[in-house]
């Protein structure tokens, strides 16, 4: 029984699953729109929105809190200073007046090869 077991395994080992999530979130922040399967999009959506919230709240915080927020996001993304810089300097200020709901999932239909449900996960424009 899977009572109170959270998260998606996505048919991968723990290391591959962590790497997949990190790469998808980095691509989402870099390109602001990705096309992937519905299961993968649902697996990363909460983490991506949490990171945007951390970046957004650090704007009004003290210097120590700003540094801690950047370190926290960097540790979750596993490096990638350019992505963290874009998140804190470009993406987070756009959502300063928005309380959650930073991403949108648009259904694209089944994939040709295996009929997997495809979606476009994108950052919401104001």
PDB file of N, CA and C in Angstrom:
ATOM      1  N   UNK A   1       0.831  -1.189   0.000  1.00  0.00           N
ATOM      2  CA  UNK A   1       0.000   0.000   0.000  1.00  0.00           C
ATOM      3  C   UNK A   1       0.870   1.245   0.000  1.00  0.00           C
ATOM      4  N   UNK A   2       0.415   2.268  -0.741  1.00  0.00           N
ATOM      5  CA  UNK A   2       1.190   3.500  -0.873  1.00  0.00           C
ATOM      6  C   UNK A   2       0.575   4.640  -0.069  1.00  0.00           C
ATOM      7  N   UNK A   3       0.130   4.357   1.121  1.00  0.00           N
ATOM      8  CA  UNK A   3      -0.478   5.398   1.938  1.00  0.00           C
ATOM      9  C   UNK A   3       0.540   6.467   2.290  1.00  0.00           C
ATOM     10  N   UNK A   4       0.207   7.711   2.059  1.00  0.00           N
ATOM     11  CA  UNK A   4       1.011   8.878   2.414  1.00  0.00           C
ATOM     12  C   UNK A   4       2.415   8.839   1.802  1.00  0.00           C
ATOM     13  N   UNK A   5       2.529   8.302   0.584  1.00  0.00           N
ATOM     14  CA  UNK A   5       3.797   8.294  -0.135  1.00  0.00           C
ATOM     15  C   UNK A   5       3.686   9.345  -1.231  1.00  0.00           C
ATOM     16  N   UNK A   6       4.483  10.385  -1.118  1.00  0.00           N
ATOM     17  CA  UNK A   6       4.386  11.509  -2.048  1.00  0.00           C
ATOM     18  C   UNK A   6       5.421  11.385  -3.157  1.00  0.00           C
ATOM     19  N   UNK A   7       5.168  12.063  -4.264  1.00  0.00           N
ATOM     20  CA  UNK A   7       6.143  12.142  -5.343  1.00  0.00           C
ATOM     21  C   UNK A   7       5.901  11.123  -6.434  1.00  0.00           C
ATOM     22  N   UNK A   8       6.629  11.314  -7.520  1.00  0.00           N
ATOM     23  CA  UNK A   8       6.523  10.451  -8.689  1.00  0.00           C
ATOM     24  C   UNK A   8       7.851   9.751  -8.905  1.00  0.00           C
ATOM     25  N   UNK A   9       7.817   8.429  -9.140  1.00  0.00           N
ATOM     26  CA  UNK A   9       9.060   7.693  -9.382  1.00  0.00           C
ATOM     27  C   UNK A   9       9.520   7.794 -10.829  1.00  0.00           C
ATOM     28  N   UNK A  10       8.596   7.955 -11.746  1.00  0.00           N
ATOM     29  CA  UNK A  10       8.896   8.145 -13.165  1.00  0.00           C
ATOM     30  C   UNK A  10       9.707   7.004 -13.770  1.00  0.00           C
ATOM     31  N   UNK A  11       9.645   5.826 -13.176  1.00  0.00           N
ATOM     32  CA  UNK A  11      10.325   4.657 -13.722  1.00  0.00           C
ATOM     33  C   UNK A  11      11.835   4.766 -13.709  1.00  0.00           C
ATOM     34  N   UNK A  12      12.390   5.481 -12.735  1.00  0.00           N
ATOM     35  CA  UNK A  12      13.830   5.706 -12.675  1.00  0.00           C
ATOM     36  C   UNK A  12      14.358   5.429 -11.278  1.00  0.00           C
ATOM     37  N   UNK A  13      15.666   5.246 -11.199  1.00  0.00           N
ATOM     38  CA  UNK A  13      16.301   5.130  -9.891  1.00  0.00           C
ATOM     39  C   UNK A  13      16.356   6.510  -9.238  1.00  0.00           C
ATOM     40  N   UNK A  14      16.729   6.551  -7.983  1.00  0.00           N
ATOM     41  CA  UNK A  14      16.718   7.812  -7.250  1.00  0.00           C
ATOM     42  C   UNK A  14      17.636   8.848  -7.883  1.00  0.00           C
ATOM     43  N   UNK A  15      18.847   8.459  -8.241  1.00  0.00           N
ATOM     44  CA  UNK A  15      19.790   9.405  -8.830  1.00  0.00           C
ATOM     45  C   UNK A  15      19.330   9.934 -10.176  1.00  0.00           C
ATOM     46  N   UNK A  16      18.798   9.044 -11.009  1.00  0.00           N
ATOM     47  CA  UNK A  16      18.307   9.464 -12.321  1.00  0.00           C
ATOM     48  C   UNK A  16      17.093  10.370 -12.180  1.00  0.00           C
ATOM     49  N   UNK A  17      16.253  10.089 -11.191  1.00  0.00           N
ATOM     50  CA  UNK A  17      15.062  10.907 -10.954  1.00  0.00           C
ATOM     51  C   UNK A  17      15.447  12.311 -10.502  1.00  0.00           C
ATOM     52  N   UNK A  18      16.410  12.420  -9.609  1.00  0.00           N
ATOM     53  CA  UNK A  18      16.868  13.733  -9.140  1.00  0.00           C
ATOM     54  C   UNK A  18      17.488  14.517 -10.290  1.00  0.00           C
ATOM     55  N   UNK A  19      18.310  13.847 -11.105  1.00  0.00           N
ATOM     56  CA  UNK A  19      18.946  14.515 -12.238  1.00  0.00           C
ATOM     57  C   UNK A  19      17.903  14.989 -13.254  1.00  0.00           C
ATOM     58  N   UNK A  20      16.904  14.162 -13.515  1.00  0.00           N
ATOM     59  CA  UNK A  20      15.847  14.533 -14.458  1.00  0.00           C
ATOM     60  C   UNK A  20      15.098  15.763 -13.970  1.00  0.00           C
ATOM     61  N   UNK A  21      14.715  15.775 -12.692  1.00  0.00           N
ATOM     62  CA  UNK A  21      13.991  16.927 -12.142  1.00  0.00           C
ATOM     63  C   UNK A  21      14.825  18.188 -12.201  1.00  0.00           C
ATOM     64  N   UNK A  22      16.100  18.095 -11.836  1.00  0.00           N
ATOM     65  CA  UNK A  22      16.971  19.272 -11.877  1.00  0.00           C
ATOM     66  C   UNK A  22      17.086  19.812 -13.293  1.00  0.00           C
ATOM     67  N   UNK A  23      17.297  18.919 -14.253  1.00  0.00           N
ATOM     68  CA  UNK A  23      17.453  19.361 -15.641  1.00  0.00           C
ATOM     69  C   UNK A  23      16.173  19.982 -16.191  1.00  0.00           C
ATOM     70  N   UNK A  24      15.027  19.394 -15.877  1.00  0.00           N
ATOM     71  CA  UNK A  24      13.772  19.953 -16.368  1.00  0.00           C
ATOM     72  C   UNK A  24      13.498  21.328 -15.768  1.00  0.00           C
ATOM     73  N   UNK A  25      13.779  21.487 -14.478  1.00  0.00           N
ATOM     74  CA  UNK A  25      13.560  22.785 -13.835  1.00  0.00           C
ATOM     75  C   UNK A  25      14.519  23.825 -14.398  1.00  0.00           C
ATOM     76  N   UNK A  26      15.779  23.445 -14.615  1.00  0.00           N
ATOM     77  CA  UNK A  26      16.741  24.379 -15.219  1.00  0.00           C
ATOM     78  C   UNK A  26      16.285  24.801 -16.614  1.00  0.00           C
ATOM     79  N   UNK A  27      15.803  23.849 -17.413  1.00  0.00           N
ATOM     80  CA  UNK A  27      15.332  24.173 -18.749  1.00  0.00           C
ATOM     81  C   UNK A  27      14.104  25.071 -18.703  1.00  0.00           C
ATOM     82  N   UNK A  28      13.217  24.836 -17.732  1.00  0.00           N
ATOM     83  CA  UNK A  28      12.032  25.689 -17.586  1.00  0.00           C
ATOM     84  C   UNK A  28      12.436  27.118 -17.267  1.00  0.00           C
ATOM     85  N   UNK A  29      13.383  27.302 -16.375  1.00  0.00           N
ATOM     86  CA  UNK A  29      13.809  28.656 -16.023  1.00  0.00           C
ATOM     87  C   UNK A  29      14.621  29.298 -17.144  1.00  0.00           C
ATOM     88  N   UNK A  30      15.370  28.516 -17.899  1.00  0.00           N
ATOM     89  CA  UNK A  30      16.180  29.054 -18.987  1.00  0.00           C
ATOM     90  C   UNK A  30      15.304  29.493 -20.160  1.00  0.00           C
ATOM     91  N   UNK A  31      14.410  28.607 -20.600  1.00  0.00           N
ATOM     92  CA  UNK A  31      13.609  28.867 -21.800  1.00  0.00           C
ATOM     93  C   UNK A  31      12.214  29.388 -21.492  1.00  0.00           C
ATOM     94  N   UNK A  32      11.794  29.298 -20.237  1.00  0.00           N
ATOM     95  CA  UNK A  32      10.488  29.742 -19.751  1.00  0.00           C
ATOM     96  C   UNK A  32       9.326  28.962 -20.349  1.00  0.00           C
ATOM     97  N   UNK A  33       9.621  27.894 -21.074  1.00  0.00           N
ATOM     98  CA  UNK A  33       8.594  27.038 -21.653  1.00  0.00           C
ATOM     99  C   UNK A  33       9.248  25.730 -22.074  1.00  0.00           C
ATOM    100  N   UNK A  34       8.672  24.598 -21.645  1.00  0.00           N
ATOM    101  CA  UNK A  34       9.190  23.294 -22.060  1.00  0.00           C
ATOM    102  C   UNK A  34       8.028  22.402 -22.458  1.00  0.00           C
ATOM    103  N   UNK A  35       8.310  21.466 -23.349  1.00  0.00           N
ATOM    104  CA  UNK A  35       7.336  20.458 -23.757  1.00  0.00           C
ATOM    105  C   UNK A  35       7.805  19.122 -23.213  1.00  0.00           C
ATOM    106  N   UNK A  36       6.952  18.472 -22.427  1.00  0.00           N
ATOM    107  CA  UNK A  36       7.313  17.213 -21.790  1.00  0.00           C
ATOM    108  C   UNK A  36       6.049  16.411 -21.529  1.00  0.00           C
ATOM    109  N   UNK A  37       6.204  15.247 -20.923  1.00  0.00           N
ATOM    110  CA  UNK A  37       5.031  14.442 -20.603  1.00  0.00           C
ATOM    111  C   UNK A  37       4.315  15.029 -19.391  1.00  0.00           C
ATOM    112  N   UNK A  38       3.036  14.681 -19.249  1.00  0.00           N
ATOM    113  CA  UNK A  38       2.232  15.216 -18.158  1.00  0.00           C
ATOM    114  C   UNK A  38       2.790  14.794 -16.807  1.00  0.00           C
ATOM    115  N   UNK A  39       3.245  13.544 -16.684  1.00  0.00           N
ATOM    116  CA  UNK A  39       3.764  13.046 -15.406  1.00  0.00           C
ATOM    117  C   UNK A  39       5.025  13.810 -14.987  1.00  0.00           C
ATOM    118  N   UNK A  40       5.916  14.047 -15.940  1.00  0.00           N
ATOM    119  CA  UNK A  40       7.141  14.787 -15.621  1.00  0.00           C
ATOM    120  C   UNK A  40       6.827  16.233 -15.266  1.00  0.00           C
ATOM    121  N   UNK A  41       5.881  16.842 -15.975  1.00  0.00           N
ATOM    122  CA  UNK A  41       5.502  18.224 -15.688  1.00  0.00           C
ATOM    123  C   UNK A  41       4.895  18.340 -14.300  1.00  0.00           C
ATOM    124  N   UNK A  42       4.036  17.389 -13.925  1.00  0.00           N
ATOM    125  CA  UNK A  42       3.441  17.423 -12.599  1.00  0.00           C
ATOM    126  C   UNK A  42       4.483  17.169 -11.519  1.00  0.00           C
ATOM    127  N   UNK A  43       5.515  16.384 -11.849  1.00  0.00           N
ATOM    128  CA  UNK A  43       6.553  16.085 -10.870  1.00  0.00           C
ATOM    129  C   UNK A  43       7.412  17.305 -10.564  1.00  0.00           C
ATOM    130  N   UNK A  44       7.622  18.207 -11.532  1.00  0.00           N
ATOM    131  CA  UNK A  44       8.511  19.344 -11.300  1.00  0.00           C
ATOM    132  C   UNK A  44       7.772  20.637 -10.999  1.00  0.00           C
ATOM    133  N   UNK A  45       6.488  20.677 -11.270  1.00  0.00           N
ATOM    134  CA  UNK A  45       5.744  21.931 -11.148  1.00  0.00           C
ATOM    135  C   UNK A  45       5.809  22.519  -9.731  1.00  0.00           C
ATOM    136  N   UNK A  46       5.583  21.708  -8.730  1.00  0.00           N
ATOM    137  CA  UNK A  46       5.601  22.195  -7.349  1.00  0.00           C
ATOM    138  C   UNK A  46       6.964  22.705  -6.927  1.00  0.00           C
ATOM    139  N   UNK A  47       8.020  21.977  -7.299  1.00  0.00           N
ATOM    140  CA  UNK A  47       9.374  22.407  -6.953  1.00  0.00           C
ATOM    141  C   UNK A  47       9.731  23.725  -7.635  1.00  0.00           C
ATOM    142  N   UNK A  48       9.363  23.859  -8.901  1.00  0.00           N
ATOM    143  CA  UNK A  48       9.661  25.092  -9.627  1.00  0.00           C
ATOM    144  C   UNK A  48       8.931  26.280  -9.007  1.00  0.00           C
ATOM    145  N   UNK A  49       7.677  26.088  -8.661  1.00  0.00           N
ATOM    146  CA  UNK A  49       6.924  27.186  -8.051  1.00  0.00           C
ATOM    147  C   UNK A  49       7.471  27.537  -6.674  1.00  0.00           C
ATOM    148  N   UNK A  50       7.925  26.539  -5.919  1.00  0.00           N
ATOM    149  CA  UNK A  50       8.529  26.797  -4.617  1.00  0.00           C
ATOM    150  C   UNK A  50       9.806  27.627  -4.756  1.00  0.00           C
ATOM    151  N   UNK A  51      10.612  27.318  -5.776  1.00  0.00           N
ATOM    152  CA  UNK A  51      11.846  28.079  -5.996  1.00  0.00           C
ATOM    153  C   UNK A  51      11.544  29.520  -6.394  1.00  0.00           C
ATOM    154  N   UNK A  52      10.520  29.734  -7.201  1.00  0.00           N
ATOM    155  CA  UNK A  52      10.134  31.097  -7.572  1.00  0.00           C
ATOM    156  C   UNK A  52       9.676  31.861  -6.331  1.00  0.00           C
ATOM    157  N   UNK A  53       8.940  31.197  -5.447  1.00  0.00           N
ATOM    158  CA  UNK A  53       8.484  31.847  -4.219  1.00  0.00           C
ATOM    159  C   UNK A  53       9.660  32.217  -3.333  1.00  0.00           C
ATOM    160  N   UNK A  54      10.640  31.343  -3.216  1.00  0.00           N
ATOM    161  CA  UNK A  54      11.834  31.647  -2.423  1.00  0.00           C
ATOM    162  C   UNK A  54      12.542  32.869  -2.991  1.00  0.00           C
ATOM    163  N   UNK A  55      12.692  32.910  -4.307  1.00  0.00           N
ATOM    164  CA  UNK A  55      13.362  34.042  -4.954  1.00  0.00           C
ATOM    165  C   UNK A  55      12.552  35.322  -4.790  1.00  0.00           C
ATOM    166  N   UNK A  56      11.242  35.222  -4.896  1.00  0.00           N
ATOM    167  CA  UNK A  56      10.378  36.397  -4.784  1.00  0.00           C
ATOM    168  C   UNK A  56      10.412  36.975  -3.373  1.00  0.00           C
ATOM    169  N   UNK A  57      10.377  36.106  -2.359  1.00  0.00           N
ATOM    170  CA  UNK A  57      10.392  36.577  -0.970  1.00  0.00           C
ATOM    171  C   UNK A  57      11.743  37.131  -0.554  1.00  0.00           C
ATOM    172  N   UNK A  58      12.802  36.697  -1.201  1.00  0.00           N
ATOM    173  CA  UNK A  58      14.131  37.181  -0.818  1.00  0.00           C
ATOM    174  C   UNK A  58      14.374  38.617  -1.274  1.00  0.00           C
ATOM    175  N   UNK A  59      13.528  39.140  -2.158  1.00  0.00           N
ATOM    176  CA  UNK A  59      13.716  40.508  -2.657  1.00  0.00           C
ATOM    177  C   UNK A  59      13.590  41.529  -1.540  1.00  0.00           C
ATOM    178  N   UNK A  60      12.656  41.322  -0.603  1.00  0.00           N
ATOM    179  CA  UNK A  60      12.459  42.273   0.489  1.00  0.00           C
ATOM    180  C   UNK A  60      13.254  41.899   1.733  1.00  0.00           C
ATOM    181  N   UNK A  61      13.991  40.812   1.708  1.00  0.00           N
ATOM    182  CA  UNK A  61      14.694  40.322   2.894  1.00  0.00           C
ATOM    183  C   UNK A  61      16.031  41.041   3.085  1.00  0.00           C
ATOM    184  N   UNK A  62      16.652  40.755   4.230  1.00  0.00           N
ATOM    185  CA  UNK A  62      17.978  41.309   4.522  1.00  0.00           C
ATOM    186  C   UNK A  62      19.021  40.596   3.676  1.00  0.00           C
ATOM    187  N   UNK A  63      20.238  41.132   3.713  1.00  0.00           N
ATOM    188  CA  UNK A  63      21.320  40.580   2.872  1.00  0.00           C
ATOM    189  C   UNK A  63      21.616  39.121   3.192  1.00  0.00           C
ATOM    190  N   UNK A  64      21.627  38.775   4.479  1.00  0.00           N
ATOM    191  CA  UNK A  64      21.919  37.397   4.867  1.00  0.00           C
ATOM    192  C   UNK A  64      20.848  36.458   4.317  1.00  0.00           C
ATOM    193  N   UNK A  65      19.598  36.883   4.396  1.00  0.00           N
ATOM    194  CA  UNK A  65      18.505  36.052   3.882  1.00  0.00           C
ATOM    195  C   UNK A  65      18.579  35.914   2.360  1.00  0.00           C
ATOM    196  N   UNK A  66      19.027  36.964   1.669  1.00  0.00           N
ATOM    197  CA  UNK A  66      19.185  36.882   0.215  1.00  0.00           C
ATOM    198  C   UNK A  66      20.235  35.843  -0.170  1.00  0.00           C
ATOM    199  N   UNK A  67      21.353  35.867   0.548  1.00  0.00           N
ATOM    200  CA  UNK A  67      22.426  34.907   0.269  1.00  0.00           C
ATOM    201  C   UNK A  67      21.952  33.493   0.578  1.00  0.00           C
ATOM    202  N   UNK A  68      21.239  33.333   1.700  1.00  0.00           N
ATOM    203  CA  UNK A  68      20.741  32.007   2.062  1.00  0.00           C
ATOM    204  C   UNK A  68      19.747  31.483   1.028  1.00  0.00           C
ATOM    205  N   UNK A  69      18.893  32.360   0.510  1.00  0.00           N
ATOM    206  CA  UNK A  69      17.916  31.941  -0.493  1.00  0.00           C
ATOM    207  C   UNK A  69      18.629  31.479  -1.762  1.00  0.00           C
ATOM    208  N   UNK A  70      19.646  32.221  -2.188  1.00  0.00           N
ATOM    209  CA  UNK A  70      20.398  31.820  -3.386  1.00  0.00           C
ATOM    210  C   UNK A  70      21.100  30.484  -3.174  1.00  0.00           C
ATOM    211  N   UNK A  71      21.663  30.296  -1.987  1.00  0.00           N
ATOM    212  CA  UNK A  71      22.348  29.026  -1.702  1.00  0.00           C
ATOM    213  C   UNK A  71      21.362  27.865  -1.673  1.00  0.00           C
ATOM    214  N   UNK A  72      20.182  28.096  -1.116  1.00  0.00           N
ATOM    215  CA  UNK A  72      19.171  27.047  -1.048  1.00  0.00           C
ATOM    216  C   UNK A  72      18.735  26.628  -2.451  1.00  0.00           C
ATOM    217  N   UNK A  73      18.452  27.592  -3.309  1.00  0.00           N
ATOM    218  CA  UNK A  73      18.021  27.281  -4.677  1.00  0.00           C
ATOM    219  C   UNK A  73      19.163  26.624  -5.450  1.00  0.00           C
ATOM    220  N   UNK A  74      20.391  27.104  -5.257  1.00  0.00           N
ATOM    221  CA  UNK A  74      21.536  26.500  -5.941  1.00  0.00           C
ATOM    222  C   UNK A  74      21.713  25.043  -5.530  1.00  0.00           C
ATOM    223  N   UNK A  75      21.520  24.739  -4.252  1.00  0.00           N
ATOM    224  CA  UNK A  75      21.668  23.361  -3.797  1.00  0.00           C
ATOM    225  C   UNK A  75      20.568  22.475  -4.370  1.00  0.00           C
ATOM    226  N   UNK A  76      19.367  23.001  -4.519  1.00  0.00           N
ATOM    227  CA  UNK A  76      18.277  22.206  -5.088  1.00  0.00           C
ATOM    228  C   UNK A  76      18.465  21.984  -6.585  1.00  0.00           C
ATOM    229  N   UNK A  77      19.079  22.968  -7.274  1.00  0.00           N
ATOM    230  CA  UNK A  77      19.304  22.828  -8.711  1.00  0.00           C
ATOM    231  C   UNK A  77      20.626  22.141  -9.027  1.00  0.00           C
ATOM    232  N   UNK A  78      21.490  21.971  -8.040  1.00  0.00           N
ATOM    233  CA  UNK A  78      22.754  21.297  -8.272  1.00  0.00           C
ATOM    234  C   UNK A  78      23.725  22.112  -9.094  1.00  0.00           C
ATOM    235  N   UNK A  79      23.824  23.388  -8.821  1.00  0.00           N
ATOM    236  CA  UNK A  79      24.741  24.257  -9.566  1.00  0.00           C
ATOM    237  C   UNK A  79      23.991  25.064 -10.603  1.00  0.00           C
ATOM    238  N   UNK A  80      24.718  25.579 -11.572  1.00  0.00           N
ATOM    239  CA  UNK A  80      24.084  26.385 -12.615  1.00  0.00           C
ATOM    240  C   UNK A  80      23.860  27.812 -12.178  1.00  0.00           C
ATOM    241  N   UNK A  81      24.940  28.558 -11.995  1.00  0.00           N
ATOM    242  CA  UNK A  81      24.832  29.925 -11.494  1.00  0.00           C
ATOM    243  C   UNK A  81      24.067  30.836 -12.452  1.00  0.00           C
ATOM    244  N   UNK A  82      24.130  30.573 -13.754  1.00  0.00           N
ATOM    245  CA  UNK A  82      23.417  31.416 -14.707  1.00  0.00           C
ATOM    246  C   UNK A  82      21.902  31.283 -14.518  1.00  0.00           C
ATOM    247  N   UNK A  83      21.461  30.057 -14.251  1.00  0.00           N
ATOM    248  CA  UNK A  83      20.034  29.814 -14.064  1.00  0.00           C
ATOM    249  C   UNK A  83      19.550  30.490 -12.778  1.00  0.00           C
ATOM    250  N   UNK A  84      20.336  30.382 -11.717  1.00  0.00           N
ATOM    251  CA  UNK A  84      19.969  31.006 -10.444  1.00  0.00           C
ATOM    252  C   UNK A  84      19.937  32.522 -10.592  1.00  0.00           C
ATOM    253  N   UNK A  85      20.899  33.074 -11.311  1.00  0.00           N
ATOM    254  CA  UNK A  85      20.932  34.522 -11.534  1.00  0.00           C
ATOM    255  C   UNK A  85      19.696  34.969 -12.307  1.00  0.00           C
ATOM    256  N   UNK A  86      19.320  34.220 -13.340  1.00  0.00           N
ATOM    257  CA  UNK A  86      18.129  34.577 -14.110  1.00  0.00           C
ATOM    258  C   UNK A  86      16.869  34.467 -13.261  1.00  0.00           C
ATOM    259  N   UNK A  87      16.803  33.434 -12.422  1.00  0.00           N
ATOM    260  CA  UNK A  87      15.637  33.259 -11.555  1.00  0.00           C
ATOM    261  C   UNK A  87      15.471  34.439 -10.608  1.00  0.00           C
ATOM    262  N   UNK A  88      16.550  34.843  -9.952  1.00  0.00           N
ATOM    263  CA  UNK A  88      16.463  35.898  -8.946  1.00  0.00           C
ATOM    264  C   UNK A  88      16.377  37.292  -9.571  1.00  0.00           C
ATOM    265  N   UNK A  89      17.020  37.502 -10.719  1.00  0.00           N
ATOM    266  CA  UNK A  89      17.078  38.849 -11.298  1.00  0.00           C
ATOM    267  C   UNK A  89      15.991  39.127 -12.336  1.00  0.00           C
ATOM    268  N   UNK A  90      15.537  38.102 -13.060  1.00  0.00           N
ATOM    269  CA  UNK A  90      14.569  38.319 -14.133  1.00  0.00           C
ATOM    270  C   UNK A  90      13.183  37.751 -13.821  1.00  0.00           C
ATOM    271  N   UNK A  91      13.139  36.493 -13.389  1.00  0.00           N
ATOM    272  CA  UNK A  91      11.855  35.811 -13.241  1.00  0.00           C
ATOM    273  C   UNK A  91      11.115  36.245 -11.971  1.00  0.00           C
ATOM    274  N   UNK A  92      11.789  36.240 -10.838  1.00  0.00           N
ATOM    275  CA  UNK A  92      11.123  36.554  -9.564  1.00  0.00           C
ATOM    276  C   UNK A  92      10.517  37.957  -9.521  1.00  0.00           C
ATOM    277  N   UNK A  93      11.186  39.007 -10.020  1.00  0.00           N
ATOM    278  CA  UNK A  93      10.561  40.335  -9.978  1.00  0.00           C
ATOM    279  C   UNK A  93       9.266  40.427 -10.794  1.00  0.00           C
ATOM    280  N   UNK A  94       9.127  39.607 -11.832  1.00  0.00           N
ATOM    281  CA  UNK A  94       7.900  39.617 -12.628  1.00  0.00           C
ATOM    282  C   UNK A  94       6.691  39.155 -11.824  1.00  0.00           C
ATOM    283  N   UNK A  95       6.939  38.283 -10.832  1.00  0.00           N
ATOM    284  CA  UNK A  95       5.859  37.719 -10.035  1.00  0.00           C
ATOM    285  C   UNK A  95       5.780  38.355  -8.647  1.00  0.00           C
ATOM    286  N   UNK A  96       6.299  39.553  -8.485  1.00  0.00           N
ATOM    287  CA  UNK A  96       6.324  40.196  -7.177  1.00  0.00           C
ATOM    288  C   UNK A  96       4.930  40.423  -6.612  1.00  0.00           C
ATOM    289  N   UNK A  97       3.961  40.695  -7.463  1.00  0.00           N
ATOM    290  CA  UNK A  97       2.608  40.974  -6.991  1.00  0.00           C
ATOM    291  C   UNK A  97       1.678  39.764  -7.114  1.00  0.00           C
ATOM    292  N   UNK A  98       2.218  38.612  -7.467  1.00  0.00           N
ATOM    293  CA  UNK A  98       1.391  37.420  -7.679  1.00  0.00           C
ATOM    294  C   UNK A  98       1.608  36.436  -6.535  1.00  0.00           C
ATOM    295  N   UNK A  99       0.525  35.925  -5.976  1.00  0.00           N
ATOM    296  CA  UNK A  99       0.605  34.981  -4.858  1.00  0.00           C
ATOM    297  C   UNK A  99       0.417  33.552  -5.347  1.00  0.00           C
ATOM    298  N   UNK A 100       1.437  32.998  -5.962  1.00  0.00           N
ATOM    299  CA  UNK A 100       1.370  31.619  -6.433  1.00  0.00           C
ATOM    300  C   UNK A 100       0.801  31.516  -7.838  1.00  0.00           C
ATOM    301  N   UNK A 101       0.783  30.294  -8.357  1.00  0.00           N
ATOM    302  CA  UNK A 101       0.259  30.056  -9.699  1.00  0.00           C
ATOM    303  C   UNK A 101       1.149  30.640 -10.767  1.00  0.00           C
ATOM    304  N   UNK A 102       2.451  30.343 -10.696  1.00  0.00           N
ATOM    305  CA  UNK A 102       3.415  30.932 -11.621  1.00  0.00           C
ATOM    306  C   UNK A 102       3.548  30.147 -12.917  1.00  0.00           C
ATOM    307  N   UNK A 103       3.014  28.918 -12.954  1.00  0.00           N
ATOM    308  CA  UNK A 103       3.168  28.083 -14.144  1.00  0.00           C
ATOM    309  C   UNK A 103       1.807  27.699 -14.702  1.00  0.00           C
ATOM    310  N   UNK A 104       1.794  27.317 -15.975  1.00  0.00           N
ATOM    311  CA  UNK A 104       0.589  26.898 -16.675  1.00  0.00           C
ATOM    312  C   UNK A 104       0.920  25.642 -17.471  1.00  0.00           C
ATOM    313  N   UNK A 105       0.003  24.664 -17.451  1.00  0.00           N
ATOM    314  CA  UNK A 105       0.161  23.449 -18.243  1.00  0.00           C
ATOM    315  C   UNK A 105      -0.900  23.423 -19.332  1.00  0.00           C
ATOM    316  N   UNK A 106      -0.456  23.365 -20.580  1.00  0.00           N
ATOM    317  CA  UNK A 106      -1.361  23.285 -21.718  1.00  0.00           C
ATOM    318  C   UNK A 106      -1.238  21.894 -22.346  1.00  0.00           C
ATOM    319  N   UNK A 107      -2.364  21.208 -22.508  1.00  0.00           N
ATOM    320  CA  UNK A 107      -2.348  19.874 -23.099  1.00  0.00           C
ATOM    321  C   UNK A 107      -2.085  19.968 -24.600  1.00  0.00           C
ATOM    322  N   UNK A 108      -1.213  19.084 -25.088  1.00  0.00           N
ATOM    323  CA  UNK A 108      -0.861  19.076 -26.505  1.00  0.00           C
ATOM    324  C   UNK A 108      -1.356  17.832 -27.230  1.00  0.00           C
ATOM    325  N   UNK A 109      -1.873  16.861 -26.510  1.00  0.00           N
ATOM    326  CA  UNK A 109      -2.325  15.623 -27.131  1.00  0.00           C
ATOM    327  C   UNK A 109      -1.289  14.528 -26.985  1.00  0.00           C
ATOM    328  N   UNK A 110      -1.570  13.358 -27.521  1.00  0.00           N
ATOM    329  CA  UNK A 110      -0.653  12.225 -27.360  1.00  0.00           C
ATOM    330  C   UNK A 110       0.575  12.325 -28.264  1.00  0.00           C
ATOM    331  N   UNK A 111       1.673  11.777 -27.754  1.00  0.00           N
ATOM    332  CA  UNK A 111       2.913  11.721 -28.545  1.00  0.00           C
ATOM    333  C   UNK A 111       2.774  10.626 -29.593  1.00  0.00           C
ATOM    334  N   UNK A 112       3.397  10.833 -30.756  1.00  0.00           N
ATOM    335  CA  UNK A 112       3.256   9.919 -31.885  1.00  0.00           C
ATOM    336  C   UNK A 112       3.763   8.510 -31.574  1.00  0.00           C
ATOM    337  N   UNK A 113       4.903   8.377 -30.928  1.00  0.00           N
ATOM    338  CA  UNK A 113       5.521   7.069 -30.761  1.00  0.00           C
ATOM    339  C   UNK A 113       4.835   6.166 -29.758  1.00  0.00           C
ATOM    340  N   UNK A 114       4.551   6.678 -28.565  1.00  0.00           N
ATOM    341  CA  UNK A 114       4.019   5.827 -27.506  1.00  0.00           C
ATOM    342  C   UNK A 114       2.700   6.328 -26.916  1.00  0.00           C
ATOM    343  N   UNK A 115       2.119   7.347 -27.501  1.00  0.00           N
ATOM    344  CA  UNK A 115       0.836   7.905 -27.075  1.00  0.00           C
ATOM    345  C   UNK A 115       0.862   8.454 -25.651  1.00  0.00           C
ATOM    346  N   UNK A 116       2.036   8.904 -25.202  1.00  0.00           N
ATOM    347  CA  UNK A 116       2.133   9.529 -23.883  1.00  0.00           C
ATOM    348  C   UNK A 116       1.488  10.915 -23.944  1.00  0.00           C
ATOM    349  N   UNK A 117       0.785  11.298 -22.880  1.00  0.00           N
ATOM    350  CA  UNK A 117       0.153  12.619 -22.843  1.00  0.00           C
ATOM    351  C   UNK A 117       1.231  13.695 -22.776  1.00  0.00           C
ATOM    352  N   UNK A 118       1.248  14.587 -23.750  1.00  0.00           N
ATOM    353  CA  UNK A 118       2.232  15.654 -23.794  1.00  0.00           C
ATOM    354  C   UNK A 118       1.593  16.963 -23.352  1.00  0.00           C
ATOM    355  N   UNK A 119       2.381  17.767 -22.643  1.00  0.00           N
ATOM    356  CA  UNK A 119       1.917  19.073 -22.191  1.00  0.00           C
ATOM    357  C   UNK A 119       3.026  20.096 -22.405  1.00  0.00           C
ATOM    358  N   UNK A 120       2.629  21.353 -22.463  1.00  0.00           N
ATOM    359  CA  UNK A 120       3.586  22.437 -22.492  1.00  0.00           C
ATOM    360  C   UNK A 120       3.512  23.116 -21.127  1.00  0.00           C
ATOM    361  N   UNK A 121       4.617  23.117 -20.419  1.00  0.00           N
ATOM    362  CA  UNK A 121       4.702  23.767 -19.110  1.00  0.00           C
ATOM    363  C   UNK A 121       5.410  25.100 -19.322  1.00  0.00           C
ATOM    364  N   UNK A 122       4.746  26.189 -18.958  1.00  0.00           N
ATOM    365  CA  UNK A 122       5.320  27.502 -19.204  1.00  0.00           C
ATOM    366  C   UNK A 122       5.081  28.422 -18.011  1.00  0.00           C
ATOM    367  N   UNK A 123       5.918  29.432 -17.919  1.00  0.00           N
ATOM    368  CA  UNK A 123       5.737  30.455 -16.896  1.00  0.00           C
ATOM    369  C   UNK A 123       4.639  31.404 -17.351  1.00  0.00           C
ATOM    370  N   UNK A 124       3.770  31.766 -16.435  1.00  0.00           N
ATOM    371  CA  UNK A 124       2.642  32.624 -16.741  1.00  0.00           C
ATOM    372  C   UNK A 124       3.137  34.034 -16.996  1.00  0.00           C
ATOM    373  N   UNK A 125       2.631  34.655 -18.057  1.00  0.00           N
ATOM    374  CA  UNK A 125       2.938  36.049 -18.327  1.00  0.00           C
ATOM    375  C   UNK A 125       1.879  36.912 -17.668  1.00  0.00           C
ATOM    376  N   UNK A 126       2.288  38.024 -17.142  1.00  0.00           N
ATOM    377  CA  UNK A 126       1.347  38.908 -16.450  1.00  0.00           C
ATOM    378  C   UNK A 126       0.355  39.524 -17.401  1.00  0.00           C
TER     379      UNK A 126
END
